[in-house]
């Protein structure tokens, strides 16, 4: 974890770095105001930001995508998201990106790779990074998981919502997405706003808790 409310800026969602041999994969990038802090946090782990091969954007909201243009320009990393969330990013839509909530402007930003399938596997060296389409919070929400040393690590951003018409949210679709995540039987959950849950039981409890809250 290299960013989040207590690590970089109060308006940041969590951001993560995954080491894949000599290449780095970044997952989300905060709201944008803390971009230099994110770089320093990466360097504090003795990692080189210039090795970031790809920045995966789990969905189109500003607290996850804000620093994406900076990282793309400074370090040459490709930006990836699901095609159903690409238009707000590529047009800088102030409502769909929720940038108006934060009092900032997000510039229209090109997405280099758009996922259109339900499950796509990215390969970097000997590593596989799985991108799973989990709509509900937004139409193009992605959840990411990797298997390391016998454990499954799930990056499940914004499992908790919120669910708003202005985001094109869909509770019924979200419930189906959460069942997909439960079926993964992840050992560790890296959530977008509420920390890291370090057991299969706690991961399951967290997801099921929100399913109960929304009427499952």
N, C-alpha and C. Protein backbone atom coordinates (compact mmCIF):
# COMPACT_ATOMS: atom_id res chain seq x y z
N UNK A 1 0.86 -1.18 0.00
CA UNK A 1 0.00 0.00 0.00
C UNK A 1 0.89 1.23 0.00
N UNK A 2 0.66 2.13 -0.97
CA UNK A 2 1.52 3.31 -1.08
C UNK A 2 0.72 4.62 -0.97
N UNK A 3 -0.60 4.49 -0.81
CA UNK A 3 -1.40 5.70 -0.67
C UNK A 3 -2.72 5.40 -0.01
N UNK A 4 -3.32 6.45 0.56
CA UNK A 4 -4.59 6.33 1.25
C UNK A 4 -4.75 7.50 2.20
N UNK A 5 -5.89 7.60 2.87
CA UNK A 5 -6.17 8.76 3.73
C UNK A 5 -5.11 9.04 4.78
N UNK A 6 -4.51 8.01 5.33
CA UNK A 6 -3.52 8.20 6.39
C UNK A 6 -2.08 8.13 5.87
N UNK A 7 -1.92 7.84 4.59
CA UNK A 7 -0.58 7.70 4.03
C UNK A 7 -0.19 8.81 3.08
N UNK A 8 -1.17 9.40 2.41
CA UNK A 8 -0.85 10.38 1.39
C UNK A 8 -1.71 11.64 1.50
N UNK A 9 -3.05 11.50 1.44
CA UNK A 9 -3.93 12.65 1.54
C UNK A 9 -5.31 12.18 1.99
N UNK A 10 -6.02 12.97 2.79
CA UNK A 10 -7.34 12.54 3.28
C UNK A 10 -8.35 12.24 2.18
N UNK A 11 -8.17 12.84 0.99
CA UNK A 11 -9.13 12.60 -0.09
C UNK A 11 -8.74 11.45 -1.00
N UNK A 12 -7.66 10.74 -0.67
CA UNK A 12 -7.22 9.62 -1.50
C UNK A 12 -7.90 8.32 -1.10
N UNK A 13 -8.32 7.55 -2.10
CA UNK A 13 -8.59 6.13 -1.87
C UNK A 13 -7.24 5.42 -1.79
N UNK A 14 -7.28 4.17 -1.36
CA UNK A 14 -6.04 3.41 -1.24
C UNK A 14 -5.41 3.17 -2.61
N UNK A 15 -4.09 3.20 -2.64
CA UNK A 15 -3.34 2.89 -3.85
C UNK A 15 -2.28 1.85 -3.50
N UNK A 16 -1.99 0.98 -4.46
CA UNK A 16 -1.11 -0.15 -4.18
C UNK A 16 -0.09 -0.34 -5.30
N UNK A 17 1.04 -0.94 -4.93
CA UNK A 17 2.06 -1.35 -5.90
C UNK A 17 2.22 -2.86 -5.79
N UNK A 18 2.25 -3.53 -6.94
CA UNK A 18 2.52 -4.96 -7.00
C UNK A 18 3.83 -5.16 -7.73
N UNK A 19 4.77 -5.85 -7.09
CA UNK A 19 6.05 -6.15 -7.72
C UNK A 19 5.92 -7.41 -8.57
N UNK A 20 6.26 -7.29 -9.83
CA UNK A 20 6.26 -8.43 -10.76
C UNK A 20 7.66 -8.52 -11.37
N UNK A 21 8.56 -9.13 -10.63
CA UNK A 21 9.94 -9.14 -11.08
C UNK A 21 10.49 -7.73 -11.10
N UNK A 22 11.00 -7.32 -12.25
CA UNK A 22 11.56 -5.97 -12.38
C UNK A 22 10.50 -4.94 -12.72
N UNK A 23 9.30 -5.40 -13.02
CA UNK A 23 8.23 -4.48 -13.38
C UNK A 23 7.31 -4.24 -12.19
N UNK A 24 6.74 -3.06 -12.14
CA UNK A 24 5.78 -2.70 -11.10
C UNK A 24 4.42 -2.46 -11.73
N UNK A 25 3.38 -2.91 -11.05
CA UNK A 25 2.00 -2.62 -11.45
C UNK A 25 1.39 -1.79 -10.33
N UNK A 26 0.77 -0.68 -10.68
CA UNK A 26 0.13 0.19 -9.71
C UNK A 26 -1.38 0.03 -9.82
N UNK A 27 -2.05 0.00 -8.69
CA UNK A 27 -3.51 -0.10 -8.66
C UNK A 27 -4.06 1.15 -8.00
N UNK A 28 -4.71 1.99 -8.81
CA UNK A 28 -5.29 3.27 -8.41
C UNK A 28 -4.22 4.29 -8.02
N UNK A 29 -4.64 5.56 -7.95
CA UNK A 29 -3.62 6.62 -7.87
C UNK A 29 -4.04 7.82 -7.02
N UNK A 30 -5.04 7.64 -6.15
CA UNK A 30 -5.44 8.77 -5.31
C UNK A 30 -6.16 9.86 -6.08
N UNK A 31 -6.47 10.94 -5.38
CA UNK A 31 -7.29 12.01 -5.97
C UNK A 31 -6.48 13.04 -6.75
N UNK A 32 -5.15 12.96 -6.68
CA UNK A 32 -4.31 13.82 -7.52
C UNK A 32 -3.47 14.82 -6.76
N UNK A 33 -3.95 15.30 -5.62
CA UNK A 33 -3.19 16.32 -4.90
C UNK A 33 -1.91 15.75 -4.27
N UNK A 34 -1.87 14.44 -4.09
CA UNK A 34 -0.76 13.82 -3.37
C UNK A 34 0.21 13.08 -4.28
N UNK A 35 0.23 13.42 -5.55
CA UNK A 35 1.01 12.62 -6.50
C UNK A 35 2.49 12.54 -6.13
N UNK A 36 3.08 13.65 -5.67
CA UNK A 36 4.49 13.61 -5.29
C UNK A 36 4.70 12.74 -4.04
N UNK A 37 3.74 12.76 -3.14
CA UNK A 37 3.82 11.92 -1.94
C UNK A 37 3.77 10.45 -2.32
N UNK A 38 2.92 10.10 -3.28
CA UNK A 38 2.86 8.71 -3.75
C UNK A 38 4.22 8.28 -4.30
N UNK A 39 4.85 9.16 -5.05
CA UNK A 39 6.18 8.85 -5.60
C UNK A 39 7.17 8.62 -4.47
N UNK A 40 7.14 9.49 -3.47
CA UNK A 40 8.07 9.34 -2.34
C UNK A 40 7.80 8.03 -1.59
N UNK A 41 6.54 7.69 -1.45
CA UNK A 41 6.21 6.44 -0.77
C UNK A 41 6.72 5.23 -1.53
N UNK A 42 6.63 5.29 -2.85
CA UNK A 42 7.17 4.20 -3.67
C UNK A 42 8.69 4.11 -3.49
N UNK A 43 9.33 5.25 -3.54
CA UNK A 43 10.80 5.28 -3.40
C UNK A 43 11.24 4.83 -2.01
N UNK A 44 10.40 5.10 -1.00
CA UNK A 44 10.75 4.68 0.37
C UNK A 44 10.78 3.16 0.51
N UNK A 45 10.15 2.46 -0.43
CA UNK A 45 10.19 0.99 -0.45
C UNK A 45 11.34 0.48 -1.30
N UNK A 46 12.23 1.38 -1.70
CA UNK A 46 13.38 1.06 -2.56
C UNK A 46 12.93 0.54 -3.92
N UNK A 47 11.84 1.12 -4.41
CA UNK A 47 11.32 0.81 -5.72
C UNK A 47 11.43 2.04 -6.60
N UNK A 48 11.57 1.83 -7.89
CA UNK A 48 11.74 2.92 -8.84
C UNK A 48 10.42 3.17 -9.58
N UNK A 49 9.81 4.34 -9.42
CA UNK A 49 8.55 4.62 -10.12
C UNK A 49 8.66 4.49 -11.64
N UNK A 50 9.87 4.65 -12.17
CA UNK A 50 10.07 4.49 -13.61
C UNK A 50 9.83 3.05 -14.07
N UNK A 51 9.76 2.12 -13.12
CA UNK A 51 9.51 0.71 -13.45
C UNK A 51 8.02 0.37 -13.47
N UNK A 52 7.17 1.37 -13.22
CA UNK A 52 5.72 1.11 -13.27
C UNK A 52 5.33 0.88 -14.73
N UNK A 53 4.92 -0.34 -15.03
CA UNK A 53 4.57 -0.72 -16.39
C UNK A 53 3.13 -0.34 -16.71
N UNK A 54 2.26 -0.51 -15.72
CA UNK A 54 0.84 -0.26 -15.94
C UNK A 54 0.19 0.27 -14.67
N UNK A 55 -0.73 1.19 -14.84
CA UNK A 55 -1.56 1.70 -13.76
C UNK A 55 -2.99 1.26 -14.02
N UNK A 56 -3.48 0.37 -13.15
CA UNK A 56 -4.84 -0.14 -13.29
C UNK A 56 -5.78 0.77 -12.50
N UNK A 57 -6.80 1.26 -13.16
CA UNK A 57 -7.80 2.12 -12.53
C UNK A 57 -9.04 1.27 -12.29
N UNK A 58 -9.37 1.04 -11.02
CA UNK A 58 -10.46 0.12 -10.71
C UNK A 58 -11.83 0.67 -11.08
N UNK A 59 -11.96 1.98 -11.12
CA UNK A 59 -13.16 2.61 -11.65
C UNK A 59 -12.88 4.09 -11.85
N UNK A 60 -13.88 4.82 -12.31
CA UNK A 60 -13.62 6.16 -12.87
C UNK A 60 -13.70 7.31 -11.88
N UNK A 61 -13.74 7.05 -10.59
CA UNK A 61 -13.91 8.14 -9.63
C UNK A 61 -12.58 8.80 -9.26
N UNK A 62 -12.66 10.09 -9.02
CA UNK A 62 -11.48 10.93 -8.90
C UNK A 62 -10.53 10.49 -7.78
N UNK A 63 -11.07 9.95 -6.67
CA UNK A 63 -10.19 9.54 -5.58
C UNK A 63 -9.37 8.30 -5.93
N UNK A 64 -9.65 7.71 -7.10
CA UNK A 64 -8.89 6.55 -7.59
C UNK A 64 -8.06 6.89 -8.83
N UNK A 65 -8.44 7.93 -9.56
CA UNK A 65 -7.80 8.20 -10.87
C UNK A 65 -7.05 9.52 -10.91
N UNK A 66 -7.11 10.32 -9.83
CA UNK A 66 -6.65 11.71 -9.90
C UNK A 66 -5.23 11.89 -10.38
N UNK A 67 -4.31 11.04 -9.95
CA UNK A 67 -2.91 11.20 -10.33
C UNK A 67 -2.53 10.40 -11.56
N UNK A 68 -3.50 9.75 -12.20
CA UNK A 68 -3.19 8.92 -13.37
C UNK A 68 -2.51 9.70 -14.50
N UNK A 69 -3.00 10.91 -14.85
CA UNK A 69 -2.32 11.65 -15.92
C UNK A 69 -0.86 11.96 -15.57
N UNK A 70 -0.60 12.27 -14.31
CA UNK A 70 0.77 12.57 -13.87
C UNK A 70 1.67 11.35 -14.02
N UNK A 71 1.23 10.20 -13.54
CA UNK A 71 2.07 9.01 -13.61
C UNK A 71 2.30 8.58 -15.06
N UNK A 72 1.30 8.74 -15.88
CA UNK A 72 1.45 8.40 -17.31
C UNK A 72 2.48 9.31 -17.97
N UNK A 73 2.39 10.61 -17.67
CA UNK A 73 3.30 11.57 -18.29
C UNK A 73 4.72 11.44 -17.75
N UNK A 74 4.85 11.29 -16.43
CA UNK A 74 6.18 11.28 -15.80
C UNK A 74 6.93 9.96 -16.01
N UNK A 75 6.20 8.85 -16.00
CA UNK A 75 6.88 7.55 -15.98
C UNK A 75 6.53 6.65 -17.15
N UNK A 76 5.63 7.09 -18.02
CA UNK A 76 5.35 6.35 -19.24
C UNK A 76 4.53 5.09 -19.06
N UNK A 77 3.85 4.95 -17.92
CA UNK A 77 3.06 3.74 -17.70
C UNK A 77 1.77 3.79 -18.51
N UNK A 78 1.30 2.63 -18.91
CA UNK A 78 0.02 2.53 -19.60
C UNK A 78 -1.11 2.59 -18.58
N UNK A 79 -2.23 3.18 -18.97
CA UNK A 79 -3.42 3.23 -18.12
C UNK A 79 -4.43 2.19 -18.60
N UNK A 80 -4.99 1.46 -17.65
CA UNK A 80 -5.97 0.41 -17.96
C UNK A 80 -7.23 0.62 -17.13
N UNK A 81 -8.38 0.43 -17.74
CA UNK A 81 -9.64 0.37 -17.00
C UNK A 81 -10.63 -0.45 -17.83
N UNK A 82 -11.80 -0.70 -17.29
CA UNK A 82 -12.85 -1.37 -18.07
C UNK A 82 -13.45 -0.37 -19.04
N UNK A 83 -13.83 -0.86 -20.21
CA UNK A 83 -14.34 0.05 -21.24
C UNK A 83 -15.59 0.80 -20.79
N UNK A 84 -16.39 0.22 -19.90
CA UNK A 84 -17.62 0.89 -19.46
C UNK A 84 -17.37 2.07 -18.54
N UNK A 85 -16.15 2.19 -18.02
CA UNK A 85 -15.79 3.36 -17.21
C UNK A 85 -14.78 4.26 -17.93
N UNK A 86 -14.46 3.94 -19.17
CA UNK A 86 -13.42 4.69 -19.87
C UNK A 86 -13.88 6.07 -20.33
N UNK A 87 -15.15 6.20 -20.75
CA UNK A 87 -15.61 7.47 -21.30
C UNK A 87 -15.51 8.63 -20.31
N UNK A 88 -15.93 8.48 -19.04
CA UNK A 88 -15.77 9.59 -18.10
C UNK A 88 -14.33 10.02 -17.93
N UNK A 89 -13.40 9.07 -17.98
CA UNK A 89 -11.98 9.40 -17.84
C UNK A 89 -11.48 10.11 -19.09
N UNK A 90 -11.87 9.62 -20.24
CA UNK A 90 -11.35 10.18 -21.49
C UNK A 90 -11.99 11.51 -21.85
N UNK A 91 -13.14 11.82 -21.24
CA UNK A 91 -13.78 13.12 -21.49
C UNK A 91 -13.61 14.07 -20.31
N UNK A 92 -13.10 13.57 -19.18
CA UNK A 92 -12.99 14.40 -17.98
C UNK A 92 -14.35 14.79 -17.42
N UNK A 93 -15.31 13.91 -17.51
CA UNK A 93 -16.68 14.17 -17.07
C UNK A 93 -16.70 14.51 -15.57
N UNK A 94 -17.10 15.74 -15.20
CA UNK A 94 -17.02 16.15 -13.79
C UNK A 94 -18.02 15.45 -12.88
N UNK A 95 -19.12 14.94 -13.45
CA UNK A 95 -20.12 14.25 -12.64
C UNK A 95 -19.77 12.77 -12.49
N UNK A 96 -19.52 12.11 -13.61
CA UNK A 96 -19.23 10.68 -13.56
C UNK A 96 -17.92 10.38 -12.83
N UNK A 97 -16.96 11.29 -12.89
CA UNK A 97 -15.70 11.09 -12.15
C UNK A 97 -15.81 11.57 -10.71
N UNK A 98 -16.90 12.24 -10.38
CA UNK A 98 -17.12 12.82 -9.05
C UNK A 98 -16.09 13.89 -8.69
N UNK A 99 -15.44 14.46 -9.70
CA UNK A 99 -14.44 15.49 -9.41
C UNK A 99 -15.08 16.73 -8.80
N UNK A 100 -16.37 16.97 -9.10
CA UNK A 100 -17.05 18.12 -8.50
C UNK A 100 -17.16 17.97 -6.98
N UNK A 101 -17.21 16.73 -6.48
CA UNK A 101 -17.26 16.51 -5.04
C UNK A 101 -16.01 17.03 -4.35
N UNK A 102 -14.90 17.01 -5.09
CA UNK A 102 -13.60 17.34 -4.50
C UNK A 102 -13.14 18.74 -4.88
N UNK A 103 -13.94 19.43 -5.67
CA UNK A 103 -13.58 20.78 -6.06
C UNK A 103 -12.38 20.85 -6.97
N UNK A 104 -12.19 19.82 -7.80
CA UNK A 104 -11.06 19.78 -8.73
C UNK A 104 -11.57 19.52 -10.14
N UNK A 105 -10.69 19.71 -11.09
CA UNK A 105 -10.98 19.40 -12.48
C UNK A 105 -10.09 18.26 -12.92
N UNK A 106 -10.68 17.24 -13.51
CA UNK A 106 -9.89 16.13 -14.03
C UNK A 106 -9.78 16.29 -15.54
N UNK A 107 -8.55 16.32 -16.07
CA UNK A 107 -8.38 16.52 -17.52
C UNK A 107 -8.75 15.27 -18.30
N UNK A 108 -9.29 15.46 -19.48
CA UNK A 108 -9.55 14.34 -20.37
C UNK A 108 -8.25 13.55 -20.57
N UNK A 109 -8.29 12.26 -20.29
CA UNK A 109 -7.09 11.44 -20.24
C UNK A 109 -7.29 10.15 -21.02
N UNK A 110 -6.41 9.89 -21.94
CA UNK A 110 -6.51 8.69 -22.78
C UNK A 110 -6.26 7.42 -21.98
N UNK A 111 -7.11 6.42 -22.20
CA UNK A 111 -6.91 5.10 -21.64
C UNK A 111 -6.21 4.25 -22.69
N UNK A 112 -5.10 3.63 -22.30
CA UNK A 112 -4.29 2.88 -23.26
C UNK A 112 -4.83 1.47 -23.51
N UNK A 113 -5.43 0.88 -22.50
CA UNK A 113 -5.95 -0.48 -22.65
C UNK A 113 -7.29 -0.58 -21.95
N UNK A 114 -8.29 -1.04 -22.69
CA UNK A 114 -9.64 -1.16 -22.14
C UNK A 114 -10.04 -2.63 -22.09
N UNK A 115 -10.48 -3.04 -20.92
CA UNK A 115 -10.95 -4.40 -20.74
C UNK A 115 -12.44 -4.45 -21.10
N UNK A 116 -12.81 -5.47 -21.85
CA UNK A 116 -14.21 -5.62 -22.23
C UNK A 116 -14.81 -6.94 -21.77
N UNK A 117 -13.96 -7.88 -21.35
CA UNK A 117 -14.44 -9.20 -20.95
C UNK A 117 -14.75 -9.23 -19.46
N UNK A 118 -15.39 -10.31 -19.04
CA UNK A 118 -15.71 -10.48 -17.63
C UNK A 118 -14.46 -10.76 -16.79
N UNK A 119 -13.48 -11.39 -17.38
CA UNK A 119 -12.26 -11.77 -16.66
C UNK A 119 -11.11 -11.74 -17.65
N UNK A 120 -10.14 -10.93 -17.35
CA UNK A 120 -8.96 -10.85 -18.21
C UNK A 120 -7.71 -11.02 -17.35
N UNK A 121 -6.78 -11.82 -17.85
CA UNK A 121 -5.55 -12.10 -17.12
C UNK A 121 -4.40 -11.36 -17.78
N UNK A 122 -3.69 -10.55 -17.00
CA UNK A 122 -2.51 -9.82 -17.46
C UNK A 122 -1.28 -10.58 -17.00
N UNK A 123 -0.29 -10.67 -17.86
CA UNK A 123 0.94 -11.39 -17.51
C UNK A 123 2.13 -10.46 -17.55
N UNK A 124 2.85 -10.43 -16.46
CA UNK A 124 4.06 -9.63 -16.35
C UNK A 124 5.14 -10.55 -15.80
N UNK A 125 6.10 -10.91 -16.66
CA UNK A 125 7.10 -11.89 -16.26
C UNK A 125 6.42 -13.22 -15.94
N UNK A 126 6.67 -13.73 -14.75
CA UNK A 126 6.06 -14.99 -14.31
C UNK A 126 4.76 -14.78 -13.53
N UNK A 127 4.31 -13.54 -13.45
CA UNK A 127 3.15 -13.22 -12.62
C UNK A 127 1.89 -13.06 -13.46
N UNK A 128 0.77 -13.43 -12.86
CA UNK A 128 -0.54 -13.21 -13.47
C UNK A 128 -1.36 -12.29 -12.58
N UNK A 129 -1.92 -11.27 -13.18
CA UNK A 129 -2.82 -10.35 -12.48
C UNK A 129 -4.19 -10.48 -13.13
N UNK A 130 -5.17 -10.83 -12.32
CA UNK A 130 -6.51 -11.10 -12.82
C UNK A 130 -7.40 -9.87 -12.63
N UNK A 131 -8.02 -9.43 -13.71
CA UNK A 131 -8.94 -8.29 -13.68
C UNK A 131 -10.36 -8.84 -13.86
N UNK A 132 -11.19 -8.66 -12.86
CA UNK A 132 -12.54 -9.22 -12.84
C UNK A 132 -13.55 -8.07 -12.90
N UNK A 133 -14.45 -8.13 -13.87
CA UNK A 133 -15.47 -7.10 -14.00
C UNK A 133 -16.50 -7.29 -12.89
N UNK A 134 -16.62 -6.30 -12.02
CA UNK A 134 -17.55 -6.37 -10.89
C UNK A 134 -18.39 -5.10 -10.83
N UNK A 135 -19.30 -4.95 -11.78
CA UNK A 135 -20.12 -3.73 -11.84
C UNK A 135 -21.07 -3.61 -10.66
N UNK A 136 -21.56 -2.40 -10.48
CA UNK A 136 -22.52 -2.12 -9.42
C UNK A 136 -22.33 -0.72 -8.87
N UNK A 137 -21.17 -0.47 -8.30
CA UNK A 137 -20.83 0.89 -7.85
C UNK A 137 -20.77 1.81 -9.06
N UNK A 138 -20.08 1.35 -10.10
CA UNK A 138 -20.10 1.98 -11.42
C UNK A 138 -20.25 0.85 -12.44
N UNK A 139 -20.63 1.17 -13.68
CA UNK A 139 -20.79 0.11 -14.68
C UNK A 139 -19.50 -0.66 -14.99
N UNK A 140 -18.37 0.02 -14.88
CA UNK A 140 -17.10 -0.60 -15.26
C UNK A 140 -16.18 -0.89 -14.09
N UNK A 141 -16.71 -1.06 -12.91
CA UNK A 141 -15.85 -1.35 -11.75
C UNK A 141 -15.09 -2.66 -11.97
N UNK A 142 -13.81 -2.64 -11.59
CA UNK A 142 -12.96 -3.82 -11.66
C UNK A 142 -12.50 -4.21 -10.26
N UNK A 143 -12.37 -5.50 -10.04
CA UNK A 143 -11.66 -6.02 -8.87
C UNK A 143 -10.46 -6.80 -9.39
N UNK A 144 -9.36 -6.69 -8.67
CA UNK A 144 -8.10 -7.29 -9.11
C UNK A 144 -7.70 -8.36 -8.10
N UNK A 145 -7.19 -9.50 -8.58
CA UNK A 145 -6.65 -10.45 -7.63
C UNK A 145 -5.40 -11.12 -8.18
N UNK A 146 -4.54 -11.51 -7.26
CA UNK A 146 -3.31 -12.21 -7.61
C UNK A 146 -3.13 -13.35 -6.61
N UNK A 147 -2.42 -14.37 -7.03
CA UNK A 147 -2.08 -15.50 -6.15
C UNK A 147 -0.59 -15.47 -5.90
N UNK A 148 -0.23 -15.38 -4.61
CA UNK A 148 1.17 -15.31 -4.21
C UNK A 148 1.42 -16.23 -3.02
N UNK A 149 2.41 -17.11 -3.15
CA UNK A 149 2.85 -17.94 -2.04
C UNK A 149 1.68 -18.64 -1.34
N UNK A 150 0.79 -19.18 -2.16
CA UNK A 150 -0.32 -19.95 -1.62
C UNK A 150 -1.47 -19.13 -1.07
N UNK A 151 -1.43 -17.83 -1.26
CA UNK A 151 -2.51 -16.97 -0.78
C UNK A 151 -3.09 -16.17 -1.94
N UNK A 152 -4.39 -15.94 -1.87
CA UNK A 152 -5.06 -15.12 -2.87
C UNK A 152 -5.31 -13.73 -2.29
N UNK A 153 -4.82 -12.73 -3.00
CA UNK A 153 -4.91 -11.34 -2.56
C UNK A 153 -5.89 -10.61 -3.48
N UNK A 154 -6.91 -10.05 -2.89
CA UNK A 154 -7.97 -9.37 -3.64
C UNK A 154 -7.91 -7.88 -3.39
N UNK A 155 -7.86 -7.12 -4.47
CA UNK A 155 -7.97 -5.67 -4.41
C UNK A 155 -9.40 -5.33 -4.80
N UNK A 156 -10.25 -5.15 -3.78
CA UNK A 156 -11.67 -4.93 -4.00
C UNK A 156 -12.05 -3.52 -3.59
N UNK A 157 -11.88 -2.60 -4.51
CA UNK A 157 -12.10 -1.20 -4.18
C UNK A 157 -13.59 -0.86 -4.13
N UNK A 158 -13.97 -0.09 -3.12
CA UNK A 158 -15.34 0.46 -3.00
C UNK A 158 -16.42 -0.62 -3.00
N UNK A 159 -16.14 -1.72 -2.32
CA UNK A 159 -17.16 -2.75 -2.10
C UNK A 159 -18.38 -2.15 -1.42
N UNK A 160 -18.15 -1.16 -0.59
CA UNK A 160 -19.21 -0.57 0.24
C UNK A 160 -20.11 0.41 -0.52
N UNK A 161 -19.80 0.73 -1.75
CA UNK A 161 -20.56 1.76 -2.47
C UNK A 161 -19.83 3.11 -2.41
N UNK A 162 -20.56 4.22 -2.45
CA UNK A 162 -22.01 4.39 -2.44
C UNK A 162 -22.65 4.07 -3.79
N UNK A 163 -23.97 4.04 -3.80
CA UNK A 163 -24.73 3.70 -4.99
C UNK A 163 -25.65 4.86 -5.32
N UNK A 164 -25.30 5.57 -6.39
CA UNK A 164 -26.02 6.79 -6.75
C UNK A 164 -26.42 6.76 -8.22
N UNK A 165 -27.54 7.35 -8.53
CA UNK A 165 -27.99 7.42 -9.91
C UNK A 165 -26.97 8.17 -10.77
N UNK A 166 -26.34 9.20 -10.21
CA UNK A 166 -25.36 9.98 -10.98
C UNK A 166 -24.13 9.17 -11.35
N UNK A 167 -23.90 8.05 -10.64
CA UNK A 167 -22.79 7.15 -10.96
C UNK A 167 -23.23 5.99 -11.85
N UNK A 168 -24.52 5.95 -12.21
CA UNK A 168 -25.09 4.80 -12.92
C UNK A 168 -24.93 3.52 -12.10
N UNK A 169 -25.08 3.65 -10.79
CA UNK A 169 -24.96 2.50 -9.90
C UNK A 169 -26.15 1.56 -10.07
N UNK A 170 -25.91 0.29 -9.71
CA UNK A 170 -26.97 -0.72 -9.82
C UNK A 170 -26.78 -1.73 -8.69
N UNK A 171 -27.65 -1.65 -7.69
CA UNK A 171 -27.53 -2.51 -6.51
C UNK A 171 -27.67 -3.99 -6.87
N UNK A 172 -28.62 -4.32 -7.72
CA UNK A 172 -28.84 -5.73 -8.07
C UNK A 172 -27.60 -6.31 -8.74
N UNK A 173 -27.00 -5.55 -9.64
CA UNK A 173 -25.78 -6.01 -10.31
C UNK A 173 -24.63 -6.11 -9.33
N UNK A 174 -24.55 -5.15 -8.42
CA UNK A 174 -23.51 -5.17 -7.39
C UNK A 174 -23.59 -6.43 -6.54
N UNK A 175 -24.79 -6.85 -6.17
CA UNK A 175 -24.94 -8.06 -5.36
C UNK A 175 -24.38 -9.28 -6.08
N UNK A 176 -24.61 -9.36 -7.38
CA UNK A 176 -24.04 -10.46 -8.17
C UNK A 176 -22.52 -10.37 -8.19
N UNK A 177 -22.01 -9.16 -8.28
CA UNK A 177 -20.55 -8.96 -8.27
C UNK A 177 -19.95 -9.40 -6.95
N UNK A 178 -20.62 -9.10 -5.84
CA UNK A 178 -20.10 -9.49 -4.54
C UNK A 178 -20.07 -11.02 -4.39
N UNK A 179 -21.03 -11.69 -5.00
CA UNK A 179 -21.01 -13.15 -4.96
C UNK A 179 -19.83 -13.70 -5.75
N UNK A 180 -19.47 -13.02 -6.84
CA UNK A 180 -18.25 -13.40 -7.57
C UNK A 180 -17.03 -13.29 -6.66
N UNK A 181 -16.98 -12.21 -5.90
CA UNK A 181 -15.82 -12.01 -5.01
C UNK A 181 -15.80 -13.06 -3.91
N UNK A 182 -16.94 -13.39 -3.35
CA UNK A 182 -16.98 -14.43 -2.32
C UNK A 182 -16.51 -15.76 -2.87
N UNK A 183 -16.86 -16.05 -4.11
CA UNK A 183 -16.45 -17.31 -4.73
C UNK A 183 -14.93 -17.40 -4.91
N UNK A 184 -14.25 -16.28 -4.90
CA UNK A 184 -12.79 -16.30 -5.04
C UNK A 184 -12.10 -16.86 -3.80
N UNK A 185 -12.78 -16.77 -2.65
CA UNK A 185 -12.22 -17.25 -1.37
C UNK A 185 -10.84 -16.63 -1.12
N UNK A 186 -10.81 -15.29 -1.21
CA UNK A 186 -9.56 -14.56 -1.03
C UNK A 186 -9.06 -14.64 0.41
N UNK A 187 -7.76 -14.74 0.56
CA UNK A 187 -7.14 -14.80 1.88
C UNK A 187 -6.86 -13.41 2.45
N UNK A 188 -6.70 -12.44 1.57
CA UNK A 188 -6.41 -11.07 1.98
C UNK A 188 -7.24 -10.13 1.11
N UNK A 189 -7.89 -9.17 1.73
CA UNK A 189 -8.65 -8.15 1.01
C UNK A 189 -7.99 -6.80 1.22
N UNK A 190 -7.61 -6.16 0.13
CA UNK A 190 -7.11 -4.78 0.16
C UNK A 190 -8.25 -3.91 -0.35
N UNK A 191 -8.93 -3.26 0.59
CA UNK A 191 -10.13 -2.49 0.26
C UNK A 191 -9.76 -1.04 0.00
N UNK A 192 -10.61 -0.35 -0.76
CA UNK A 192 -10.26 0.98 -1.22
C UNK A 192 -10.28 2.07 -0.17
N UNK A 193 -11.02 1.88 0.93
CA UNK A 193 -11.15 2.94 1.91
C UNK A 193 -11.04 2.47 3.36
N UNK A 194 -11.19 1.19 3.60
CA UNK A 194 -11.27 0.71 4.98
C UNK A 194 -10.18 -0.27 5.36
N UNK A 195 -9.07 -0.26 4.64
CA UNK A 195 -7.90 -0.99 5.09
C UNK A 195 -7.75 -2.37 4.48
N UNK A 196 -6.88 -3.15 5.12
CA UNK A 196 -6.50 -4.48 4.64
C UNK A 196 -6.99 -5.51 5.64
N UNK A 197 -7.68 -6.52 5.14
CA UNK A 197 -8.25 -7.59 5.97
C UNK A 197 -7.45 -8.86 5.71
N UNK A 198 -6.79 -9.37 6.74
CA UNK A 198 -5.74 -10.37 6.53
C UNK A 198 -6.14 -11.79 6.89
N UNK A 199 -7.35 -12.17 6.56
CA UNK A 199 -7.73 -13.57 6.66
C UNK A 199 -8.93 -13.80 5.76
N UNK A 200 -9.13 -15.06 5.37
CA UNK A 200 -10.27 -15.41 4.53
C UNK A 200 -11.57 -15.11 5.27
N UNK A 201 -11.58 -15.38 6.58
CA UNK A 201 -12.78 -15.17 7.37
C UNK A 201 -13.15 -13.69 7.44
N UNK A 202 -12.17 -12.84 7.68
CA UNK A 202 -12.45 -11.40 7.78
C UNK A 202 -12.86 -10.82 6.42
N UNK A 203 -12.26 -11.32 5.35
CA UNK A 203 -12.64 -10.89 4.01
C UNK A 203 -14.09 -11.24 3.74
N UNK A 204 -14.46 -12.47 4.04
CA UNK A 204 -15.84 -12.91 3.83
C UNK A 204 -16.81 -12.12 4.69
N UNK A 205 -16.46 -11.89 5.94
CA UNK A 205 -17.34 -11.13 6.83
C UNK A 205 -17.56 -9.72 6.32
N UNK A 206 -16.50 -9.11 5.82
CA UNK A 206 -16.60 -7.73 5.33
C UNK A 206 -17.58 -7.66 4.16
N UNK A 207 -17.43 -8.54 3.18
CA UNK A 207 -18.29 -8.51 2.00
C UNK A 207 -19.73 -8.85 2.39
N UNK A 208 -19.91 -9.89 3.19
CA UNK A 208 -21.26 -10.31 3.59
C UNK A 208 -21.94 -9.24 4.44
N UNK A 209 -21.16 -8.48 5.18
CA UNK A 209 -21.74 -7.41 5.99
C UNK A 209 -22.42 -6.37 5.12
N UNK A 210 -21.82 -6.02 3.99
CA UNK A 210 -22.45 -5.04 3.10
C UNK A 210 -23.60 -5.65 2.32
N UNK A 211 -23.53 -6.94 2.01
CA UNK A 211 -24.67 -7.59 1.38
C UNK A 211 -25.90 -7.55 2.31
N UNK A 212 -25.66 -7.79 3.59
CA UNK A 212 -26.77 -7.70 4.55
C UNK A 212 -27.30 -6.28 4.65
N UNK A 213 -26.38 -5.32 4.66
CA UNK A 213 -26.79 -3.91 4.79
C UNK A 213 -27.70 -3.48 3.64
N UNK A 214 -27.42 -4.02 2.46
CA UNK A 214 -28.21 -3.62 1.28
C UNK A 214 -29.28 -4.64 0.93
N UNK A 215 -29.67 -5.47 1.94
CA UNK A 215 -30.87 -6.25 1.78
C UNK A 215 -30.74 -7.63 1.23
N UNK A 216 -29.52 -8.20 1.29
CA UNK A 216 -29.35 -9.57 0.79
C UNK A 216 -29.71 -10.57 1.90
